[in-house]
Protein backbone atom coordinates (compact mmCIF):
# COMPACT_ATOMS: atom_id res chain seq x y z
CA MET A 1 2.22 3.79 -8.52
CA THR A 2 2.97 0.64 -10.58
CA ASP A 3 6.72 0.46 -9.47
CA VAL A 4 5.74 0.98 -5.74
CA ALA A 5 2.91 -1.56 -5.91
CA ARG A 6 5.25 -4.09 -7.63
CA SER A 7 7.85 -3.74 -4.97
CA LEU A 8 5.29 -4.08 -2.18
CA VAL A 9 3.72 -7.14 -3.75
CA VAL A 10 7.07 -8.80 -3.75
CA TRP A 11 7.32 -8.11 -0.02
CA ALA A 12 3.82 -9.35 0.63
CA ASP A 13 4.54 -12.63 -1.22
CA SER A 14 7.52 -13.19 1.06
CA LEU A 15 5.83 -12.63 4.38
CA GLU A 16 3.26 -14.36 6.58
CA ASN A 17 0.22 -12.96 8.20
CA VAL A 18 0.23 -10.12 5.63
CA SER A 19 -1.99 -7.00 5.88
CA THR A 20 -1.89 -3.80 3.95
CA SER A 21 -3.00 -0.23 4.54
CA ILE A 22 -2.79 3.19 3.10
CA TRP A 23 -1.99 6.41 4.87
CA ARG A 24 -2.47 9.95 3.56
CA VAL A 25 0.07 12.17 5.25
CA PRO A 26 -1.22 15.08 7.07
CA HIS A 27 -0.30 17.66 4.55
CA GLY A 28 -2.16 15.65 1.98
CA GLY A 29 0.23 15.55 -0.97
CA ARG A 30 1.46 12.01 -0.53
CA VAL A 31 0.01 8.55 0.39
CA HIS A 32 1.99 5.66 1.98
CA LEU A 33 1.20 2.23 0.91
CA GLU A 34 2.11 -0.22 3.66
CA VAL A 35 2.63 -3.97 4.03
CA HIS A 36 2.64 -5.44 7.48
CA GLY A 37 3.62 -9.02 8.08
CA ARG A 38 6.22 -11.47 9.62
CA THR A 39 9.19 -13.27 8.17
CA PRO A 40 9.01 -17.07 8.30
CA CYS A 41 11.07 -16.96 11.46
CA GLY A 42 8.60 -14.57 13.16
CA ILE A 43 10.36 -11.22 12.74
CA PRO A 44 7.79 -8.39 12.45
CA VAL A 45 8.20 -6.29 9.22
CA VAL A 46 6.49 -2.99 8.00
CA VAL A 47 7.54 -1.92 4.52
CA TYR A 48 6.05 1.21 2.78
CA GLY A 49 6.27 3.14 -0.30
CA GLY A 50 5.08 6.57 -1.10
CA VAL A 51 3.15 7.92 -4.10
CA TRP A 52 1.49 11.22 -4.93
CA PHE A 53 -2.03 11.64 -3.81
CA ASP A 54 -4.54 11.47 -6.74
CA GLU A 55 -8.29 12.06 -6.15
CA ALA A 56 -9.17 9.51 -8.82
CA THR A 57 -7.30 6.81 -7.11
CA PHE A 58 -7.93 7.62 -3.49
CA PRO A 59 -11.34 9.33 -3.54
CA ASP A 60 -12.23 8.61 0.10
CA LEU A 61 -8.94 9.23 1.80
CA PRO A 62 -8.87 12.58 3.61
CA ALA A 63 -5.44 14.11 4.73
CA GLY A 64 -4.13 12.29 7.83
CA MET A 65 -6.37 9.26 7.51
CA ARG A 66 -5.18 5.65 7.56
CA GLN A 67 -7.33 2.78 6.09
CA GLU A 68 -6.80 -0.93 5.95
CA MET A 69 -7.01 -2.32 2.41
CA PRO A 70 -6.93 -5.79 0.89
CA VAL A 71 -3.72 -7.08 -0.50
CA PHE A 72 -5.44 -7.71 -3.89
CA VAL A 73 -5.58 -3.98 -4.41
CA LEU A 74 -1.79 -3.79 -4.56
CA ARG A 75 -1.85 -6.62 -7.04
CA GLN A 76 -4.19 -4.63 -9.28
CA TRP A 77 -2.00 -1.49 -8.90
CA ASN A 78 0.88 -3.64 -10.01
CA SER A 79 -0.48 -3.72 -13.61
CA PRO A 80 0.10 -0.49 -15.54
CA GLY A 81 -3.01 1.41 -16.19
CA GLU A 82 -4.99 -0.15 -13.35
CA VAL A 83 -6.81 1.86 -10.88
CA ALA A 84 -8.51 0.21 -7.93
CA ALA A 85 -9.91 2.50 -5.26
């Protein structure tokens, strides 16, 4: 989780109009963390990384569901040992 969050935070910091979301794939074993934004010249970008589903980290995320989340959650997951659901 930490490595994926760290990489996505780098992207989030380089884009404008940033939003983030999480999506638990339909089979339920993985979760995609997504960053949406635009480059400074306006090109739309979506970057994602996958992590294993963990009930403690994603308690309210049924299989197949997508949820918006604040960017600060990625920043918290960027620190080893942090869990922010």
